[in-house]
Each structure stands twice: as C-alpha cells, then as structure tokens.
Protein backbone atom coordinates (compact mmCIF):
# COMPACT_ATOMS: atom_id res chain seq x y z
CA MET A 1 0.00 0.00 0.00
CA HIS A 2 3.01 2.25 0.60
CA GLY A 3 1.37 4.41 3.23
CA ARG A 4 -2.17 5.27 4.25
CA LYS A 5 -2.48 8.48 2.22
CA SER A 6 -1.76 9.94 -1.20
CA PRO A 7 -0.90 13.65 -1.50
CA SER A 8 -2.30 13.69 -5.04
CA ILE A 9 -5.85 12.90 -3.85
CA ASN A 10 -6.53 15.29 -0.95
CA HIS A 11 -5.21 16.13 2.48
CA ASN A 12 -7.20 13.49 4.36
CA ASP A 13 -4.83 11.46 6.53
CA LEU A 14 -6.52 8.21 5.45
CA ASN A 15 -7.47 9.06 1.89
CA LYS A 16 -6.42 5.76 0.32
CA TRP A 17 -8.92 3.77 2.33
CA PRO A 18 -12.17 4.85 0.62
CA GLU A 19 -10.70 3.78 -2.71
CA MET A 20 -9.57 0.49 -1.19
CA ALA A 21 -13.03 -0.05 0.31
CA ASN A 22 -14.62 0.44 -3.12
CA LEU A 23 -12.12 -1.98 -4.61
CA ILE A 24 -13.00 -4.67 -2.04
CA ARG A 25 -16.72 -4.24 -2.63
CA SER A 26 -16.56 -4.13 -6.43
CA SER A 27 -14.29 -7.18 -6.67
CA ARG A 28 -16.32 -9.07 -4.02
CA SER A 29 -13.10 -9.84 -2.16
CA ALA A 30 -13.47 -11.75 1.09
CA ILE A 31 -10.10 -11.06 2.72
CA LEU A 32 -7.49 -8.45 1.83
CA GLY A 33 -3.93 -8.50 3.14
CA VAL A 34 -2.29 -5.06 3.20
CA GLN A 35 1.37 -4.13 3.67
CA GLU A 36 3.03 -0.80 4.50
CA THR A 37 -0.12 0.43 6.23
CA HIS A 38 1.62 3.14 8.34
CA LEU A 39 -1.31 3.08 10.79
CA THR A 40 -1.23 4.21 14.41
CA ASP A 41 -3.80 2.97 16.95
CA PRO A 42 -5.92 6.15 16.51
CA HIS A 43 -5.87 5.61 12.75
CA VAL A 44 -7.12 2.04 13.19
CA ASP A 45 -9.86 3.20 15.57
CA SER A 46 -11.02 5.76 13.00
CA LEU A 47 -11.11 3.17 10.23
CA ARG A 48 -13.00 0.67 12.36
CA ASP A 49 -15.59 3.31 13.16
CA MET A 50 -15.79 4.42 9.53
CA TYR A 51 -16.28 0.89 8.19
CA ARG A 52 -17.95 -0.76 11.19
CA ASN A 53 -20.83 -2.05 9.03
CA SER A 54 -18.64 -3.31 6.20
CA PHE A 55 -15.27 -4.61 7.36
CA VAL A 56 -13.31 -6.03 10.26
CA ILE A 57 -9.81 -4.53 10.36
CA HIS A 58 -6.79 -5.98 12.19
CA ASN A 59 -3.46 -4.16 12.02
CA SER A 60 0.01 -4.77 13.38
CA ALA A 61 2.09 -1.59 13.48
CA ASP A 62 5.81 -0.99 13.49
CA PRO A 63 6.63 -0.60 17.21
CA ASP A 64 9.09 2.26 16.69
CA ARG A 65 7.65 4.29 13.79
CA PRO A 66 4.03 3.21 13.30
CA SER A 67 3.01 6.17 11.13
CA ARG A 68 6.08 6.12 8.87
CA SER A 69 7.28 2.56 8.51
CA ALA A 70 6.01 -0.95 7.76
CA GLY A 71 2.68 -2.17 9.17
CA VAL A 72 0.59 -5.14 8.02
CA ALA A 73 -3.17 -5.54 8.18
CA PHE A 74 -6.09 -7.78 7.28
CA VAL A 75 -9.39 -6.35 6.03
CA ILE A 76 -12.25 -8.87 6.23
CA ASN A 77 -15.40 -8.23 4.22
CA LYS A 78 -18.47 -8.78 6.41
CA ALA A 79 -20.63 -9.27 3.33
CA MET A 80 -18.57 -12.30 2.28
CA VAL A 81 -17.24 -13.87 5.48
CA ASN A 82 -18.62 -14.82 8.87
CA THR A 83 -16.55 -12.57 11.12
CA GLY A 84 -17.85 -14.02 14.37
CA ALA A 85 -14.83 -16.28 14.99
CA ILE A 86 -11.57 -14.54 14.11
CA ALA A 87 -8.20 -14.76 15.84
CA THR A 88 -5.02 -12.86 14.95
CA HIS A 89 -1.46 -13.48 16.09
CA VAL A 90 1.37 -10.96 15.76
CA ILE A 91 4.37 -12.96 14.55
CA ILE A 92 6.71 -9.99 14.05
CA PRO A 93 5.26 -6.55 14.94
CA GLY A 94 4.64 -4.51 11.80
CA ARG A 95 6.06 -7.25 9.59
CA ALA A 96 4.14 -10.52 9.95
CA LEU A 97 0.54 -11.05 11.08
CA ALA A 98 -1.40 -14.35 11.12
CA LEU A 99 -5.16 -14.68 10.78
CA GLU A 100 -7.27 -17.65 11.80
CA ILE A 101 -10.85 -17.58 10.56
CA LYS A 102 -13.76 -20.00 10.49
CA TRP A 103 -14.36 -20.49 6.79
CA ARG A 104 -17.11 -23.07 6.85
CA GLU A 105 -18.78 -25.38 9.34
CA GLY A 106 -15.99 -27.30 11.06
CA GLN A 107 -13.32 -25.78 8.82
CA SER A 108 -10.91 -22.89 9.28
CA LEU A 109 -8.26 -21.06 7.29
CA THR A 110 -4.91 -19.76 8.50
CA ILE A 111 -3.33 -16.94 6.52
CA LEU A 112 0.05 -15.29 7.06
CA ASN A 113 0.52 -11.69 5.87
CA VAL A 114 4.17 -10.66 5.43
CA TYR A 115 6.07 -7.47 4.68
CA ALA A 116 9.71 -8.51 4.39
CA PRO A 117 12.70 -6.14 4.88
CA ASN A 118 14.18 -4.33 1.92
CA ASP A 119 17.71 -5.37 2.92
CA PRO A 120 18.42 -8.96 1.70
CA GLY A 121 20.95 -9.30 4.50
CA GLU A 122 18.10 -9.22 7.03
CA HIS A 123 16.11 -11.99 5.32
CA PRO A 124 17.70 -15.12 6.85
CA ALA A 125 16.97 -13.92 10.38
CA PHE A 126 13.53 -12.61 9.35
CA TRP A 127 12.23 -15.86 7.86
CA GLN A 128 13.78 -17.90 10.68
CA THR A 129 12.07 -15.70 13.29
CA ILE A 130 8.71 -16.33 11.62
CA ALA A 131 9.29 -20.10 11.78
CA ASP A 132 10.37 -19.96 15.44
CA GLU A 133 7.50 -17.72 16.55
CA TRP A 134 5.00 -19.81 14.60
CA ARG A 135 6.12 -22.92 16.49
CA ARG A 136 6.09 -21.09 19.82
CA ILE A 137 2.47 -20.00 19.36
CA GLY A 138 1.51 -23.51 18.29
CA LEU A 139 -0.20 -22.68 15.01
CA GLY A 140 -0.86 -25.31 12.37
CA LYS A 141 0.62 -24.99 8.93
CA PRO A 142 -0.79 -21.96 7.08
CA ASP A 143 -3.13 -22.34 4.14
CA PHE A 144 -1.87 -19.13 2.52
CA VAL A 145 1.28 -17.03 2.88
CA LEU A 146 0.88 -13.69 1.14
CA GLY A 147 2.49 -10.28 1.00
CA ASP A 148 5.42 -8.23 -0.21
CA HIS A 149 8.37 -10.59 0.09
CA ASN A 150 10.89 -8.07 -1.28
CA ILE A 151 12.68 -10.97 -2.92
CA VAL A 152 12.18 -13.38 -5.82
CA GLU A 153 13.15 -17.03 -5.97
CA ASP A 154 13.39 -17.23 -9.76
CA ALA A 155 15.51 -15.02 -12.02
CA LEU A 156 12.56 -14.99 -14.43
CA ASP A 157 10.71 -12.82 -11.90
CA ARG A 158 13.04 -9.87 -12.48
CA ALA A 159 13.69 -7.69 -15.50
CA PRO A 160 16.50 -7.31 -16.30
CA VAL A 161 16.88 -10.98 -15.35
CA ARG A 162 19.12 -11.64 -12.34
CA MET A 163 19.29 -13.87 -9.28
CA ASP A 164 18.63 -12.46 -5.82
CA ASP A 165 20.85 -12.86 -2.76
CA GLU A 166 21.47 -16.59 -2.39
CA ARG A 167 21.23 -16.68 1.43
CA ALA A 168 17.99 -14.70 1.41
CA VAL A 169 16.42 -16.94 -1.23
CA GLU A 170 17.48 -20.10 0.61
CA ALA A 171 15.97 -18.82 3.89
CA LEU A 172 12.62 -18.19 2.18
CA ARG A 173 12.67 -21.63 0.57
CA GLU A 174 13.37 -23.26 3.91
CA LEU A 175 10.31 -21.54 5.40
CA ARG A 176 8.21 -22.68 2.44
CA GLU A 177 9.30 -26.26 3.09
CA ILE A 178 8.46 -25.97 6.80
CA PHE A 179 5.01 -24.56 5.99
CA ASP A 180 4.53 -26.87 2.98
CA VAL A 181 3.36 -24.01 0.75
CA GLN A 182 4.18 -23.40 -2.90
CA ASP A 183 4.26 -20.60 -5.45
CA THR A 184 1.14 -21.89 -7.19
CA TRP A 185 0.98 -19.03 -9.70
CA ARG A 186 4.51 -19.74 -10.95
CA ASN A 187 3.82 -23.48 -11.06
CA THR A 188 0.75 -22.76 -13.19
CA HIS A 189 2.59 -20.26 -15.42
CA PRO A 190 6.17 -21.61 -15.57
CA ASN A 191 7.34 -19.38 -18.44
CA THR A 192 5.23 -16.24 -17.97
CA LYS A 193 6.87 -12.90 -17.24
CA LEU A 194 4.53 -10.79 -15.14
CA TYR A 195 5.61 -8.26 -12.54
CA THR A 196 4.02 -6.58 -9.52
CA HIS A 197 6.49 -3.74 -8.90
CA ARG A 198 8.63 -1.38 -10.92
CA GLN A 199 11.33 1.04 -9.83
CA PRO A 200 13.57 3.43 -11.79
CA ASN A 201 17.34 3.06 -11.53
CA LEU A 202 19.92 5.87 -11.64
CA ARG A 203 19.62 6.03 -15.44
CA MET A 204 15.81 6.35 -15.08
CA GLU A 205 15.33 2.92 -16.64
CA TYR A 206 12.63 0.84 -15.01
CA MET A 207 13.46 -2.38 -13.20
CA HIS A 208 10.59 -4.85 -12.78
CA ALA A 209 10.05 -7.62 -10.23
CA ARG A 210 7.35 -10.00 -8.96
CA LEU A 211 7.90 -9.16 -5.31
CA ASP A 212 4.30 -9.72 -4.23
CA GLN A 213 3.13 -13.30 -4.03
CA ILE A 214 0.49 -15.62 -2.62
CA TYR A 215 1.83 -19.00 -1.60
CA VAL A 216 -0.77 -21.76 -1.23
CA ALA A 217 -0.63 -24.95 0.86
CA ARG A 218 0.06 -27.90 -1.41
CA SER A 219 -3.10 -29.59 -0.17
CA LYS A 220 -5.17 -26.52 -1.14
CA ALA A 221 -3.48 -25.62 -4.44
CA LYS A 222 -6.05 -27.34 -6.65
CA TYR A 223 -8.80 -25.18 -5.13
CA ALA A 224 -7.05 -21.89 -5.98
CA PHE A 225 -7.96 -20.35 -9.33
CA GLU A 226 -8.62 -17.10 -11.23
CA TRP A 227 -5.28 -15.53 -10.40
CA GLY A 228 -5.06 -11.80 -11.00
CA ILE A 229 -2.42 -9.07 -10.99
CA THR A 230 -4.07 -5.64 -11.04
CA HIS A 231 -2.46 -2.20 -10.96
CA THR A 232 -4.88 -0.16 -8.84
CA GLY A 233 -3.08 3.18 -8.49
CA LEU A 234 -3.18 2.89 -4.69
CA SER A 235 0.45 1.83 -4.54
CA ASP A 236 3.57 1.25 -6.60
CA HIS A 237 2.82 -2.45 -6.08
CA ALA A 238 0.12 -4.36 -7.96
CA LEU A 239 -2.77 -6.12 -6.23
CA ILE A 240 -2.45 -9.92 -6.31
CA SER A 241 -5.69 -11.87 -6.09
CA VAL A 242 -6.89 -15.47 -6.18
CA ARG A 243 -10.21 -17.23 -5.77
CA TYR A 244 -10.41 -20.11 -3.32
CA ALA A 245 -13.24 -22.63 -3.35
CA PRO A 246 -12.98 -26.14 -1.88
CA GLU A 247 -14.50 -28.93 -3.94
CA ASP A 248 -17.62 -29.21 -1.77
CA ALA A 249 -18.15 -25.46 -1.30
CA PRO A 250 -21.66 -24.20 -2.08
CA GLU A 251 -22.09 -22.20 -5.26
CA ILE A 252 -22.66 -18.49 -4.64
CA GLY A 253 -24.51 -16.52 -7.29
CA PRO A 254 -24.27 -12.81 -8.10
CA GLY A 255 -26.91 -11.94 -5.49
CA ARG A 256 -30.13 -9.94 -5.78
CA TRP A 257 -30.35 -6.68 -7.65
CA THR A 258 -31.24 -3.78 -5.33
CA LEU A 259 -32.58 -0.33 -6.09
CA PRO A 260 -29.91 2.38 -5.67
CA LEU A 261 -31.03 4.52 -2.74
CA TYR A 262 -30.43 7.83 -4.52
CA LEU A 263 -33.22 6.95 -6.97
CA LEU A 264 -35.80 7.07 -4.18
CA ASN A 265 -35.81 10.87 -4.46
CA ASP A 266 -35.63 11.01 -8.25
CA PRO A 267 -38.89 12.38 -9.76
CA GLU A 268 -38.12 10.62 -13.04
CA VAL A 269 -38.43 7.33 -11.18
CA ILE A 270 -41.12 8.17 -8.62
CA ARG A 271 -43.68 9.51 -11.13
CA PRO A 272 -43.86 6.41 -13.38
CA VAL A 273 -43.77 4.08 -10.34
CA ILE A 274 -46.77 5.86 -8.81
CA SER A 275 -48.61 5.61 -12.13
CA LEU A 276 -47.81 1.89 -12.40
CA GLY A 277 -48.94 1.38 -8.81
CA MET A 278 -52.29 3.05 -9.43
CA THR A 279 -52.81 0.92 -12.54
CA LEU A 280 -51.93 -2.19 -10.55
CA GLN A 281 -54.42 -1.24 -7.84
CA ASP A 282 -57.19 -0.81 -10.40
CA LYS A 283 -56.45 -4.22 -11.92
CA VAL A 284 -56.40 -5.90 -8.50
CA ASN A 285 -59.70 -4.25 -7.53
CA ALA A 286 -61.23 -5.52 -10.77
CA THR A 287 -60.26 -9.09 -9.90
CA HIS A 288 -63.10 -11.05 -8.25
CA GLU A 289 -61.95 -13.21 -5.34
CA GLU A 290 -64.50 -15.90 -6.15
CA ASP A 291 -63.13 -16.39 -9.67
CA ASP A 292 -60.98 -19.43 -10.25
CA GLY A 293 -57.32 -18.47 -10.54
CA ALA A 294 -57.81 -15.02 -8.98
CA ASP A 295 -54.85 -15.46 -6.61
CA ARG A 296 -52.61 -16.54 -9.46
CA GLU A 297 -53.69 -13.58 -11.58
CA ILE A 298 -52.86 -11.12 -8.77
CA GLN A 299 -49.43 -12.69 -8.29
CA MET A 300 -48.74 -12.33 -12.02
CA LEU A 301 -49.82 -8.68 -11.92
CA TRP A 302 -47.51 -8.08 -8.96
CA ALA A 303 -44.58 -9.77 -10.72
CA GLU A 304 -45.19 -7.66 -13.84
CA PHE A 305 -45.28 -4.51 -11.68
CA LYS A 306 -41.92 -5.32 -10.05
CA THR A 307 -40.32 -6.12 -13.41
CA LYS A 308 -41.37 -2.74 -14.83
CA ILE A 309 -40.03 -0.90 -11.77
CA ILE A 310 -36.65 -2.62 -12.16
CA GLN A 311 -36.52 -1.70 -15.86
CA ILE A 312 -37.26 1.96 -15.08
CA ALA A 313 -34.71 2.09 -12.23
CA ARG A 314 -31.93 0.41 -14.23
CA ALA A 315 -32.42 2.71 -17.20
CA ARG A 316 -32.42 5.77 -14.94
CA SER A 317 -29.40 4.52 -13.00
CA LYS A 318 -27.34 4.15 -16.19
CA LEU A 319 -28.33 7.64 -17.29
CA SER A 320 -27.55 9.11 -13.86
CA LYS A 321 -24.12 7.49 -13.77
CA GLY A 322 -23.34 8.91 -17.20
CA LYS A 323 -24.43 12.39 -16.14
CA MET A 324 -22.38 12.18 -12.94
CA ALA A 325 -19.31 11.09 -14.90
CA SER A 326 -19.80 13.97 -17.34
CA GLU A 327 -20.20 16.40 -14.46
CA ARG A 328 -16.97 15.15 -12.82
CA LYS A 329 -15.14 15.48 -16.13
CA ARG A 330 -16.50 19.01 -16.59
CA ARG A 331 -15.37 20.03 -13.08
CA ASP A 332 -11.91 18.51 -13.60
CA THR A 333 -11.50 20.30 -16.92
CA LYS A 334 -12.63 23.59 -15.38
CA LYS A 335 -10.21 23.12 -12.46
CA LYS A 336 -7.27 22.37 -14.77
CA SER A 337 -8.13 25.40 -16.92
CA SER A 338 -8.28 27.63 -13.85
CA THR A 339 -4.94 26.32 -12.57
CA SER A 340 -3.35 26.86 -15.98
CA LYS A 341 -4.59 30.47 -16.15
CA ARG A 342 -3.22 31.24 -12.69
CA SER A 343 0.18 29.83 -13.59
CA ARG A 344 0.34 31.94 -16.75
CA THR A 345 -0.64 35.17 -15.00
CA LYS A 346 1.68 34.71 -12.04
CA LYS A 347 4.36 37.41 -12.06
CA PRO A 348 7.99 36.32 -11.82
CA GLU A 349 9.69 37.07 -8.52
CA MET A 350 12.45 39.69 -8.55
C-alpha cells in the first residue's frame, strides 16, 4: 500500500482507504492483506468506526515508527465472510501477522501476511524468526502465505533478469518447506513474465520484479484459481488476487439486484412508479376473489409490476451514472483550466 495516504488525492490522513473499500466491494473480495499500512492505533480506531458495518480490520504496526514505517493488516469483508470467529497473532510486529478464521462449518483457514525487509541481509533472520515464533504459538501450517516478500526465488521474476541474494532466497525456501506451501501461480505459469512492482534506476530505466506473491498450501493448491495481478493506483505495487473454493463449497450466485437509494428521491423514477402502482391497484380491484385463478392472476400482476419498476430504475441509474461522470469530467476540466490560467498570470519574482 506504501502508506495510508496519497498527496495527489486530498489532504485526508486516510485518503487511500475509501478507494480500497470500493475496490474490495466491487471485486467481491473476502479477505485483503495489506502491507506498508503506516497506521497508528488512533488511525485504526477511526477506520474501524468508519467501516464498522462493512469490514473487520486488524493491524500490526511498526513498534518504533508506526506512522512512517512498515505495518501489516487484514481487512475482512463482512458481506462475504462470517466474522464471528476470528483470531489474529502478531508474529513480528509490523512485519508478519497471522489470521485464523472460520471459513465453513468445522473448517478454518490460517493466513500469514508478510512485509519482508528491503535489505536482503536481514532476510535469513527474518524468515527464521517467523518459523520460530509460529512454532512457539503452536499454530498449524498456514493455508496461505501472502504479501510483499521483497525478494524473488526465480531469475525470471526480475527484468533485467538476475538472481537475488542466495542466502535470502534459501531462507525463504526453507520456510516454504516448513510450511509446505508453494508458489502456485509460478507453477501454473512456468514461463510467464509478469511483474508486480517497478522502480527506476539511476539512469531512469525501469526495473521490474514480482515481489508480491500468494503461496498456497500444497493440499489446497487445486482449489485456488482465477489468479489476477491488477495495478490499482493505490500503490507502486500491484494487487495480487486469487479465488479459493474447496471442492464441496456451495455455489454463490451474483446476489439480488437492489434499487440504488439515490433513486428514491428522483422524480423521473417516482412519477412512473406511482402511475404503475395506481394501474396495478385498479387491476387488483377488478379481480373477483370468487373467480378461479384469482390469486394466481394477482401474483402475475404483482410480478409484472416489479419487473417494470426494475426496468425503469436500471435505465435511470445508467443515465444518472453517465451524467455524474460527465459532471466530474467538466469540473476537472474547469479546475485544470483555472490552474493553468493562474500559472500563466503569475508574475515572476524579482
């Protein structure tokens, strides 16, 4: 995430979070692991209050510089996951956080969220500390290990191609063996070059690397699918995503369509709905209860009424979204034009 705020958006101290919240909702993500959160306890309290109806947020901050360094967090979507039985364990403050969550009846998932050091020389001790602390707490093997590993195991995951520090790579591999997890994306795409981070060198040439990964337990790998690498603009790192569905998991559909609340005050929706309702009432009143099939006829009239309301609302919603987008574009253009005029009329300082 590279910090909780972006100066290019506004001066809100937590201005990345509304965008991230929209991303979680639109992608129907169940659990999001975040690195470089830079959150203090008051920040976390504010976010929990802001999203109390939508998400459960657990953060582990850097103990020395919580607002400026490191930090890892889990954001759990209440609309997708039963958040009644959640446990978190701080493995390394600000660097490694474990989540245990009841996924289905009698089943649970354990996920490790990691933000590894930038210095490869610190990696052997870092990965070993995770293994030692994991054993001390008594956790079972994780189902997923995700995060910004700040290292790659395969030269193919860097451009220009090169191998990373041998001791650092070996330490990560040893932890993978202990946890029995694998780089399922790379196993599925053995020759694909796809990167999650880019950084300019001294010659302003971009270096690319797949630093962000999701390792999956070998026993769960066949249930992981629909891998994605998405550049969201929230960070200089891409968002890595995967769908997980055990073989016997129930199928979940797209859900019910709901009327956007802002349309409840839109005259262009209310007027035709009232007219349809009055017509429906007249038809129902004209139906004689003693007639055979009267109940069925009323139900069909009601279904037709609802279908017409949905058609009106959807058409109006599309039009409203287009108008709002045009209005935003008009405001942005006007703002840029105003800024440009001020810069041209500004007198040079003597």
